[in-house]
Amino acid sequence: MKKIISTLLVAAMLLTALAAFASCNGNKVTGVKVIDIPLTEEEYAFAVQKGDTELLNQLNTFMGEIKENGKFDEIINKYFGDGTPTAVESASEMKTDGSQLIVATNAAFEPFEYKTGIYYYGVDMEIMALFAEYLDKELYINNMEFDAVCLSVSAAGGTYTDSDGVEHTVAGGVCDVAAAGLTVSEDRKEILDFSVSYYDASQMLIVAENDTTFDNCKTAEDVETILKGLDKSTSVGVQNATTGAKYCAGDADWGFDGFAFTTVGYNSGALAVQNILNGNVKYVVIDEGPAKAITEKVNAAN
């Protein structure tokens, strides 16, 4: 009789464990989705060192020409339509003799800049490849952390602290053009001169695919009402130094009040979104184009 009771107890324990496992597995986040409501209104532009009027005029003239001849629309269609992206190759070494167009970017911001193998892709990269041809120069792409992009083009350079708390010093004047899905802002205008804008952008929210919190939202105000109700126990991921980071944490120069939730910075948007799946952050705020591109890739991989 004792053996029977013991066997039954063990079986009950196993069933309880299996039920618990099934419950956890059923709640596991296996995909993400974008809440398709623009939270901000922004403009992307390229940037050069403040006071470099010659290069700025060349860039603006070039942008006018590719918009007029259809090349710009052709590039946009490759990443937002049915066109096929073209690989962009960088020179293997950077030269400072004036023979190169040296472009600062952060190739972790698909569909504006990203890398596959040795090749670069993206709206910005294809435009910069054409601009180098226009100037009759070789293209060198200097791929770096986003925090360093503006500093490397500015005259003075500067320092930034990464997500691991490590401080980095960036030399100024190393690069000619910043091409990294840059939002035009007043604080960036203090150290850079911007080209004509070429893309209207916005911040969007990424959540777990089974999260219904924002399903009834119709406007940015609806989404922000919910976000304002969150406290520091909720973590929201962002890419370091981006508009999304400033939107979440708050920035007076940008006009963002910020929120009470905990803002967690990552070196790339893709890493931030992956941490929704890992359970380290509840949501992610990032630019619309990358939000949709990253979501598609994460879901395809899971």
Protein backbone atom coordinates (compact mmCIF):
# COMPACT_ATOMS: atom_id res chain seq x y z
CA MET A 1 0.00 0.00 0.00
CA LYS A 2 2.88 2.41 0.90
CA LYS A 3 4.52 1.71 -2.46
CA ILE A 4 1.28 2.51 -4.25
CA ILE A 5 0.85 5.76 -2.29
CA SER A 6 4.48 6.72 -2.97
CA THR A 7 4.05 5.99 -6.67
CA LEU A 8 0.91 8.09 -6.79
CA LEU A 9 2.65 10.96 -4.99
CA VAL A 10 5.57 10.88 -7.44
CA ALA A 11 3.16 10.80 -10.38
CA ALA A 12 1.23 13.76 -8.95
CA MET A 13 4.46 15.71 -8.50
CA LEU A 14 5.47 14.98 -12.08
CA LEU A 15 2.11 16.10 -13.42
CA THR A 16 2.34 19.29 -11.37
CA ALA A 17 5.82 19.98 -12.73
CA LEU A 18 4.73 19.28 -16.29
CA ALA A 19 1.73 21.56 -15.90
CA ALA A 20 3.94 24.32 -14.56
CA PHE A 21 6.38 23.85 -17.43
CA ALA A 22 3.57 23.92 -19.96
CA SER A 23 2.22 27.08 -18.38
CA CYS A 24 5.61 28.80 -18.51
CA ASN A 25 6.24 27.61 -22.04
CA GLY A 26 2.82 28.85 -23.09
CA ASN A 27 3.66 32.32 -21.76
CA LYS A 28 7.05 32.43 -23.44
CA VAL A 29 7.45 35.38 -25.79
CA THR A 30 8.26 34.02 -29.24
CA GLY A 31 7.54 37.08 -31.36
CA VAL A 32 7.06 40.84 -31.34
CA LYS A 33 4.84 43.39 -33.04
CA VAL A 34 4.90 47.11 -33.78
CA ILE A 35 2.17 49.37 -32.46
CA ASP A 36 1.61 51.24 -35.72
CA ILE A 37 1.03 54.67 -34.21
CA PRO A 38 3.64 57.44 -34.76
CA LEU A 39 4.68 58.89 -31.40
CA THR A 40 6.76 61.77 -32.79
CA GLU A 41 7.32 63.74 -35.98
CA GLU A 42 10.94 63.98 -37.16
CA GLU A 43 13.06 64.67 -40.22
CA TYR A 44 16.20 62.77 -41.23
CA ALA A 45 19.11 64.59 -42.87
CA PHE A 46 22.83 64.13 -43.45
CA ALA A 47 25.29 66.28 -41.52
CA VAL A 48 28.71 67.82 -42.07
CA GLN A 49 31.11 69.69 -39.84
CA LYS A 50 29.71 73.07 -38.82
CA GLY A 51 30.97 75.75 -41.19
CA ASP A 52 31.90 73.38 -44.02
CA THR A 53 29.74 75.28 -46.51
CA GLU A 54 31.52 73.86 -49.56
CA LEU A 55 30.71 70.25 -48.74
CA LEU A 56 27.22 71.17 -47.52
CA ASN A 57 26.44 72.98 -50.79
CA GLN A 58 27.75 70.05 -52.80
CA LEU A 59 25.61 67.65 -50.77
CA ASN A 60 22.46 69.75 -51.12
CA THR A 61 23.00 70.18 -54.87
CA PHE A 62 23.52 66.44 -55.22
CA MET A 63 20.38 65.64 -53.20
CA GLY A 64 18.39 67.98 -55.42
CA GLU A 65 19.68 66.24 -58.54
CA ILE A 66 18.89 62.67 -57.42
CA LYS A 67 15.41 63.74 -56.35
CA GLU A 68 14.91 65.34 -59.75
CA ASN A 69 16.28 62.45 -61.85
CA GLY A 70 14.45 59.71 -59.95
CA LYS A 71 17.49 58.06 -58.36
CA PHE A 72 16.30 58.94 -54.85
CA ASP A 73 12.86 57.37 -55.40
CA GLU A 74 14.57 54.33 -56.88
CA ILE A 75 16.63 53.86 -53.72
CA ILE A 76 13.62 54.37 -51.44
CA ASN A 77 11.72 51.73 -53.43
CA LYS A 78 14.50 49.21 -52.80
CA TYR A 79 13.85 49.34 -49.05
CA PHE A 80 10.20 50.31 -48.75
CA GLY A 81 8.83 48.85 -51.98
CA ASP A 82 9.56 45.96 -54.31
CA GLY A 83 13.05 46.95 -55.46
CA THR A 84 16.22 44.98 -54.79
CA PRO A 85 18.86 46.53 -52.49
CA THR A 86 22.29 47.17 -53.97
CA ALA A 87 25.45 46.25 -52.07
CA VAL A 88 27.81 49.10 -51.23
CA GLU A 89 31.51 48.40 -50.76
CA SER A 90 33.79 50.53 -48.63
CA ALA A 91 37.48 51.10 -49.32
CA SER A 92 39.55 48.84 -47.09
CA GLU A 93 41.60 51.65 -45.58
CA MET A 94 40.85 55.22 -44.62
CA LYS A 95 42.96 57.92 -46.27
CA THR A 96 43.28 61.50 -45.13
CA ASP A 97 44.66 62.95 -48.38
CA GLY A 98 41.27 64.19 -49.61
CA SER A 99 40.82 61.38 -52.12
CA GLN A 100 37.99 59.78 -50.12
CA LEU A 101 34.53 60.68 -48.93
CA ILE A 102 34.67 59.42 -45.35
CA VAL A 103 31.22 58.61 -44.03
CA ALA A 104 30.40 58.03 -40.36
CA THR A 105 27.58 55.57 -39.73
CA ASN A 106 26.22 52.98 -37.34
CA ALA A 107 25.39 49.97 -39.51
CA ALA A 108 22.77 48.59 -37.15
CA PHE A 109 19.82 50.67 -38.27
CA GLU A 110 18.10 48.75 -41.05
CA PRO A 111 16.73 49.82 -43.54
CA PHE A 112 18.89 52.97 -43.50
CA GLU A 113 22.25 51.32 -42.82
CA TYR A 114 23.19 47.74 -42.12
CA LYS A 115 25.90 45.27 -43.04
CA THR A 116 25.92 41.77 -44.50
CA GLY A 117 29.39 40.26 -44.70
CA ILE A 118 31.77 42.90 -46.06
CA TYR A 119 29.01 44.84 -47.82
CA TYR A 120 26.86 47.71 -46.61
CA TYR A 121 23.22 48.19 -47.50
CA GLY A 122 20.55 50.75 -46.76
CA VAL A 123 19.04 54.00 -47.96
CA ASP A 124 21.84 56.12 -46.50
CA MET A 125 24.61 53.88 -47.76
CA GLU A 126 23.36 53.85 -51.34
CA ILE A 127 22.95 57.62 -51.33
CA MET A 128 26.48 58.08 -49.97
CA ALA A 129 27.88 55.72 -52.62
CA LEU A 130 26.32 57.91 -55.31
CA PHE A 131 27.54 61.06 -53.57
CA ALA A 132 31.12 59.73 -53.58
CA GLU A 133 30.80 59.13 -57.32
CA TYR A 134 29.40 62.64 -57.74
CA LEU A 135 32.50 64.05 -56.00
CA ASP A 136 34.76 61.70 -57.97
CA LYS A 137 36.07 60.26 -54.71
CA GLU A 138 36.53 56.82 -53.22
CA LEU A 139 34.00 55.88 -50.52
CA TYR A 140 35.20 54.91 -47.08
CA ILE A 141 32.54 53.92 -44.56
CA ASN A 142 33.57 54.36 -40.93
CA ASN A 143 31.24 52.08 -38.97
CA MET A 144 31.03 53.03 -35.29
CA GLU A 145 28.75 53.23 -32.27
CA PHE A 146 25.86 55.63 -32.87
CA ASP A 147 26.99 57.82 -29.95
CA ALA A 148 30.24 58.52 -31.83
CA VAL A 149 28.80 59.40 -35.23
CA CYS A 150 28.09 63.10 -34.69
CA LEU A 151 31.21 63.58 -32.59
CA SER A 152 33.47 62.14 -35.30
CA VAL A 153 32.20 64.70 -37.84
CA SER A 154 32.15 67.67 -35.47
CA ALA A 155 35.27 69.82 -35.16
CA ALA A 156 35.96 69.21 -31.49
CA GLY A 157 34.95 65.57 -31.03
CA GLY A 158 34.05 64.59 -27.48
CA THR A 159 33.31 61.72 -25.13
CA TYR A 160 30.38 59.38 -24.55
CA THR A 161 29.60 56.56 -22.14
CA ASP A 162 28.37 53.28 -23.60
CA SER A 163 25.70 50.95 -22.17
CA ASP A 164 28.37 49.10 -20.15
CA GLY A 165 29.40 52.33 -18.43
CA VAL A 166 32.69 52.61 -20.33
CA GLU A 167 33.71 56.11 -21.39
CA HIS A 168 35.05 56.62 -24.93
CA THR A 169 36.88 59.59 -26.43
CA VAL A 170 36.12 60.43 -30.06
CA ALA A 171 38.45 62.55 -32.19
CA GLY A 172 36.70 65.30 -34.12
CA GLY A 173 36.97 65.97 -37.85
CA VAL A 174 37.75 62.33 -38.65
CA CYS A 175 34.75 61.91 -40.95
CA ASP A 176 33.23 64.14 -43.64
CA VAL A 177 29.55 63.22 -43.47
CA ALA A 178 27.31 61.70 -40.80
CA ALA A 179 24.86 59.31 -42.47
CA ALA A 180 23.06 57.34 -39.80
CA GLY A 181 19.33 58.03 -39.91
CA LEU A 182 20.02 61.29 -38.09
CA THR A 183 17.09 63.27 -36.78
CA VAL A 184 17.54 67.01 -37.17
CA SER A 185 17.59 68.65 -33.74
CA GLU A 186 18.64 71.93 -32.18
CA ASP A 187 21.38 70.42 -30.01
CA ARG A 188 22.94 68.63 -32.98
CA LYS A 189 22.79 71.87 -34.95
CA GLU A 190 25.17 73.36 -32.39
CA ILE A 191 28.03 71.16 -33.65
CA LEU A 192 26.89 70.14 -37.15
CA ASP A 193 25.33 71.62 -40.28
CA PHE A 194 22.47 69.58 -41.75
CA SER A 195 21.63 68.97 -45.36
CA VAL A 196 18.12 69.28 -46.74
CA SER A 197 15.93 66.65 -45.11
CA TYR A 198 15.21 63.52 -47.11
CA TYR A 199 12.88 61.41 -44.95
CA ASP A 200 10.02 62.00 -42.51
CA ALA A 201 10.35 59.69 -39.52
CA SER A 202 8.70 58.92 -36.18
CA GLN A 203 9.22 56.84 -33.07
CA MET A 204 7.16 53.69 -32.59
CA LEU A 205 6.60 51.15 -29.85
CA ILE A 206 7.47 47.44 -30.11
CA VAL A 207 5.78 44.96 -27.77
CA ALA A 208 5.49 41.20 -27.38
CA GLU A 209 3.16 39.65 -29.95
CA ASN A 210 0.75 38.47 -27.23
CA ASP A 211 0.66 41.85 -25.44
CA THR A 212 -2.78 43.45 -25.81
CA THR A 213 -2.08 46.54 -23.69
CA PHE A 214 -2.10 48.96 -26.62
CA ASP A 215 -4.55 47.19 -28.95
CA ASN A 216 -7.32 49.76 -28.42
CA CYS A 217 -5.08 52.79 -28.87
CA LYS A 218 -5.87 55.04 -31.81
CA THR A 219 -3.57 58.01 -31.27
CA ALA A 220 -0.16 58.89 -29.85
CA GLU A 221 -1.96 60.41 -26.86
CA ASP A 222 -3.64 57.04 -26.18
CA VAL A 223 -0.28 55.28 -26.17
CA GLU A 224 1.37 57.95 -24.03
CA THR A 225 -1.43 57.80 -21.46
CA ILE A 226 -0.58 54.15 -20.88
CA LEU A 227 3.17 54.81 -20.85
CA LYS A 228 2.67 57.57 -18.28
CA GLY A 229 0.99 55.05 -16.00
CA LEU A 230 4.11 52.86 -15.84
CA ASP A 231 6.62 53.15 -12.99
CA LYS A 232 10.29 52.25 -12.68
CA SER A 233 9.45 48.57 -12.26
CA THR A 234 8.79 48.47 -16.03
CA SER A 235 11.87 48.51 -18.28
CA VAL A 236 11.76 49.94 -21.81
CA GLY A 237 14.62 49.35 -24.24
CA VAL A 238 16.11 51.94 -26.59
CA GLN A 239 19.17 52.31 -28.80
CA ASN A 240 21.72 54.54 -27.09
CA ALA A 241 21.83 58.24 -28.05
CA THR A 242 18.88 57.98 -30.45
CA THR A 243 15.73 60.07 -30.48
CA GLY A 244 13.93 57.09 -28.94
CA ALA A 245 16.29 57.23 -25.95
CA LYS A 246 15.65 60.94 -25.50
CA TYR A 247 11.88 60.42 -25.92
CA CYS A 248 11.81 57.87 -23.11
CA ALA A 249 14.29 59.37 -20.66
CA GLY A 250 13.27 62.96 -21.34
CA ASP A 251 15.27 65.77 -22.93
CA ALA A 252 14.48 69.46 -22.55
CA ASP A 253 16.32 70.45 -25.74
CA TRP A 254 14.19 68.02 -27.74
CA GLY A 255 11.00 68.94 -25.92
CA PHE A 256 10.46 65.45 -24.46
CA ASP A 257 9.19 65.21 -20.88
CA GLY A 258 10.19 61.58 -20.48
CA PHE A 259 8.48 58.85 -18.47
CA ALA A 260 8.80 57.28 -15.03
CA PHE A 261 9.60 53.79 -16.35
CA THR A 262 13.20 52.55 -16.44
CA THR A 263 14.91 53.31 -19.75
CA VAL A 264 17.50 50.68 -20.70
CA GLY A 265 20.03 51.57 -23.40
CA TYR A 266 21.51 49.12 -25.90
CA ASN A 267 24.14 49.54 -28.61
CA SER A 268 21.66 48.47 -31.28
CA GLY A 269 17.91 48.40 -31.78
CA ALA A 270 18.01 44.71 -32.65
CA LEU A 271 19.62 43.89 -29.30
CA ALA A 272 16.96 45.92 -27.51
CA VAL A 273 14.15 44.02 -29.26
CA GLN A 274 15.81 40.66 -28.58
CA ASN A 275 15.61 41.54 -24.90
CA ILE A 276 11.81 41.61 -25.11
CA LEU A 277 12.07 37.91 -25.99
CA ASN A 278 14.60 37.38 -23.21
CA GLY A 279 12.28 39.03 -20.71
CA ASN A 280 14.71 41.81 -19.80
CA VAL A 281 12.57 44.67 -21.10
CA LYS A 282 8.83 45.02 -21.54
CA TYR A 283 8.82 47.32 -24.57
CA VAL A 284 11.17 49.01 -27.05
CA VAL A 285 10.92 52.49 -28.58
CA ILE A 286 12.74 53.04 -31.88
CA ASP A 287 12.34 54.73 -35.26
CA GLU A 288 9.55 53.44 -37.51
CA GLY A 289 11.69 52.03 -40.34
CA PRO A 290 14.07 50.07 -38.10
CA ALA A 291 11.16 49.02 -35.85
CA LYS A 292 9.44 47.26 -38.72
CA ALA A 293 12.64 45.81 -40.20
CA ILE A 294 13.86 44.45 -36.86
CA THR A 295 10.44 43.03 -35.97
CA GLU A 296 10.26 41.17 -39.27
CA LYS A 297 13.71 39.63 -38.78
CA VAL A 298 13.15 38.69 -35.14
CA ASN A 299 9.86 36.97 -35.96
CA ALA A 300 11.37 35.14 -38.93
CA ALA A 301 14.15 33.81 -36.68
CA ASN A 302 11.72 32.58 -34.02
